[in-house]
Protein backbone atom coordinates (compact mmCIF):
# COMPACT_ATOMS: atom_id res chain seq x y z
CA MET A 1 -46.50 8.11 81.31
CA GLN A 2 -45.18 11.15 79.45
CA PRO A 3 -41.74 10.92 77.82
CA ALA A 4 -38.93 12.63 79.70
CA GLN A 5 -38.16 16.16 78.57
CA PRO A 6 -34.52 16.57 77.58
CA LEU A 7 -32.23 18.58 79.85
CA MET A 8 -29.99 20.99 77.94
CA ALA A 9 -26.67 22.71 78.54
CA SER A 10 -25.18 25.03 75.92
CA VAL A 11 -21.77 26.50 75.39
CA ALA A 12 -21.35 29.59 73.22
CA LEU A 13 -18.20 29.29 71.13
CA ALA A 14 -16.17 31.63 69.00
CA PHE A 15 -13.23 31.44 66.64
CA GLY A 16 -11.33 33.98 64.62
CA LEU A 17 -10.50 34.10 60.92
CA ALA A 18 -7.55 36.11 59.83
CA ALA A 19 -4.49 35.79 57.67
CA PRO A 20 -2.27 34.81 59.42
CA PRO A 21 -4.34 32.80 61.93
CA ALA A 22 -5.11 34.58 65.19
CA PRO A 23 -6.13 32.66 68.30
CA ALA A 24 -9.44 33.51 69.94
CA VAL A 25 -10.34 32.80 73.54
CA VAL A 26 -13.92 31.76 73.95
CA SER A 27 -16.30 33.13 76.50
CA THR A 28 -19.12 30.72 77.22
CA ASP A 29 -22.53 30.82 78.80
CA THR A 30 -22.92 27.64 80.80
CA THR A 31 -26.25 26.30 81.92
CA GLU A 32 -26.69 23.21 84.04
CA GLN A 33 -30.17 21.82 84.37
CA ARG A 34 -31.49 19.23 86.81
CA ALA A 35 -34.71 17.29 86.88
CA ALA A 36 -35.73 13.82 88.02
CA SER A 37 -32.20 13.18 89.36
CA LEU A 38 -30.58 13.52 85.92
CA SER A 39 -28.26 16.45 85.07
CA ILE A 40 -25.82 17.56 82.40
CA SER A 41 -23.08 20.17 82.68
CA VAL A 42 -20.74 21.76 80.15
CA PRO A 43 -17.48 23.74 80.49
CA THR A 44 -17.43 27.40 81.42
CA SER A 45 -14.96 28.23 78.64
CA ALA A 46 -13.22 26.76 75.61
CA ALA A 47 -10.63 28.07 73.16
CA LEU A 48 -11.15 27.11 69.53
CA GLY A 49 -8.35 29.27 68.16
CA GLY A 50 -8.18 30.75 64.69
CA ALA A 51 -7.48 29.83 61.08
CA ALA A 52 -7.32 31.37 57.66
CA PRO A 53 -10.10 30.85 55.11
CA GLY A 54 -9.78 27.34 53.69
CA GLY A 55 -8.16 26.13 56.92
CA THR A 56 -9.33 23.88 59.71
CA ILE A 57 -9.72 24.47 63.43
CA SER A 58 -9.64 21.50 65.79
CA ALA A 59 -10.13 21.90 69.54
CA TYR A 60 -11.43 20.06 72.57
CA LEU A 61 -14.49 21.61 74.24
CA GLY A 62 -13.69 20.49 77.77
CA THR A 63 -15.40 17.97 79.99
CA ILE A 64 -19.11 17.22 79.58
CA THR A 65 -20.64 15.35 82.53
CA VAL A 66 -23.95 13.56 82.93
CA ASP A 67 -24.91 12.69 86.52
CA ASP A 68 -27.69 10.16 86.97
CA ALA A 69 -28.89 9.60 90.54
CA ARG A 70 -31.70 7.29 89.49
CA LEU A 71 -31.37 3.80 90.90
CA VAL A 72 -31.93 0.69 88.81
CA LEU A 73 -31.66 0.24 85.02
CA ALA A 74 -31.82 3.96 84.21
CA ASN A 75 -30.84 4.68 80.60
CA TRP A 76 -30.08 8.00 78.94
CA THR A 77 -28.88 9.40 75.61
CA ALA A 78 -26.94 12.65 75.34
CA THR A 79 -27.44 14.52 72.07
CA VAL A 80 -25.31 17.31 70.60
CA SER A 81 -26.45 20.01 68.18
CA ALA A 82 -25.09 23.32 66.91
CA THR A 83 -26.07 26.61 65.35
CA ASN A 84 -24.31 28.15 62.37
CA PHE A 85 -21.27 30.26 63.25
CA THR A 86 -21.51 33.85 62.02
CA THR A 87 -19.80 37.21 62.33
CA GLY A 88 -23.21 38.71 63.06
CA ALA A 89 -24.03 40.04 59.60
CA GLY A 90 -25.26 36.71 58.27
CA SER A 91 -24.17 36.83 54.61
CA SER A 92 -22.90 33.57 53.16
CA ALA A 93 -19.29 34.82 53.31
CA GLN A 94 -19.83 35.64 57.00
CA THR A 95 -21.31 32.25 57.93
CA VAL A 96 -19.70 28.90 58.65
CA GLY A 97 -22.60 26.46 58.43
CA LYS A 98 -23.08 23.89 61.16
CA GLY A 99 -22.59 21.20 58.51
CA ARG A 100 -18.92 22.29 58.38
CA VAL A 101 -18.59 21.66 62.13
CA SER A 102 -17.77 18.05 63.03
CA TYR A 103 -17.98 16.48 66.48
CA TRP A 104 -16.47 13.42 68.07
CA SER A 105 -17.09 12.50 71.68
CA GLY A 106 -14.04 10.34 72.31
CA PRO A 107 -13.94 7.79 75.14
CA VAL A 108 -15.16 8.07 78.73
CA THR A 109 -12.70 10.28 80.62
CA ALA A 110 -14.18 9.67 84.09
CA SER A 111 -16.97 7.51 85.44
CA VAL A 112 -18.64 6.54 88.69
CA GLY A 113 -20.91 3.55 89.17
CA ILE A 114 -21.76 0.48 87.19
CA ALA A 115 -23.15 1.04 83.69
CA VAL A 116 -22.62 0.33 80.02
CA ARG A 117 -21.40 3.60 78.49
CA THR A 118 -21.21 4.06 74.72
CA PRO A 119 -19.56 7.02 72.95
CA GLY A 120 -21.34 8.39 69.90
CA GLN A 121 -18.05 8.76 68.01
CA LEU A 122 -15.10 7.06 69.71
CA THR A 123 -12.36 8.42 67.42
CA ALA A 124 -11.71 11.34 65.09
CA LEU A 125 -12.24 8.97 62.15
CA LEU A 126 -15.87 8.60 63.28
CA ALA A 127 -16.54 12.36 63.63
CA GLN A 128 -19.96 13.48 62.42
CA ASP A 129 -20.98 16.87 61.12
CA LEU A 130 -23.53 18.79 63.18
CA SER A 131 -25.91 19.54 60.30
CA THR A 132 -28.40 17.53 62.37
CA PRO A 133 -28.41 16.56 66.07
CA ARG A 134 -26.12 13.61 66.82
CA THR A 135 -25.76 11.14 69.67
CA ALA A 136 -22.84 12.26 71.83
CA PHE A 137 -22.95 9.49 74.44
CA SER A 138 -25.37 6.98 75.92
CA LYS A 139 -25.70 4.90 79.05
CA THR A 140 -27.62 1.66 79.55
CA ALA A 141 -28.01 -0.83 82.37
CA GLY A 142 -26.79 1.53 85.08
CA VAL A 143 -27.49 0.81 88.72
CA LEU A 144 -27.29 2.82 91.95
CA GLY A 145 -26.54 6.18 90.37
CA THR A 146 -23.78 6.95 87.88
CA SER A 147 -21.67 9.76 86.49
CA THR A 148 -20.18 9.80 83.00
CA SER A 149 -17.73 12.36 81.59
CA TRP A 150 -16.12 12.87 78.19
CA ASN A 151 -14.06 15.59 76.48
CA PRO A 152 -15.43 16.02 72.94
CA ALA A 153 -13.59 17.63 70.04
CA LEU A 154 -14.89 20.00 67.38
CA VAL A 155 -13.37 20.27 63.92
CA VAL A 156 -14.38 23.35 61.93
CA ALA A 157 -13.69 23.40 58.18
CA ILE A 158 -13.48 27.08 57.21
CA PRO A 159 -14.85 27.83 53.72
CA ASN A 160 -12.44 29.41 51.22
CA SER A 161 -14.97 32.23 50.78
CA ALA A 162 -15.13 33.10 54.51
CA VAL A 163 -14.22 36.65 55.45
CA ALA A 164 -11.92 37.56 58.32
CA GLY A 165 -13.63 38.19 61.64
CA SER A 166 -14.77 36.73 64.90
CA TYR A 167 -17.36 33.98 64.43
CA THR A 168 -19.73 32.87 67.18
CA GLY A 169 -22.18 30.01 67.50
CA THR A 170 -23.64 27.66 70.09
CA VAL A 171 -23.13 23.96 70.72
CA THR A 172 -25.86 22.38 72.86
CA HIS A 173 -25.75 19.06 74.67
CA SER A 174 -29.04 17.60 75.90
CA VAL A 175 -29.83 14.41 77.81
CA ALA A 176 -33.02 12.41 78.17
């Protein structure tokens, strides 16, 4: 039996750097993928806001949902990853590395069905940087189909050397 291929859903995010801070509304490209009765969906938009160099941006992404229509004892793990955020030019002053972007899943915000659901990072104190892919959520011991939702937060630490501009990057959630 071949291992299951992960299903992925990405949200393109943006934030602005200016002095004083200027909010930025984010336009996102949402993809929902389905296979073998397992699906993941991400929000259609999110607002990260703005901050000055040396500041911090903290914002919720919106609800992430994994639907699992498989029947007995179906497990899954949702993983989150990110790209660097850039203004497009790519110099070090125009890049906020993904290692400066932290993620915490928080608790289940909605659920259907019987399962053991485990957040990757229950509280802000447990936030993990996205320098490498991280577990966002997992489900074990589910029966008769389940749905699990959470509203994760991102915290972006803006480098002191960052230049003003609109930064974009992508956060991807996958499930297998």
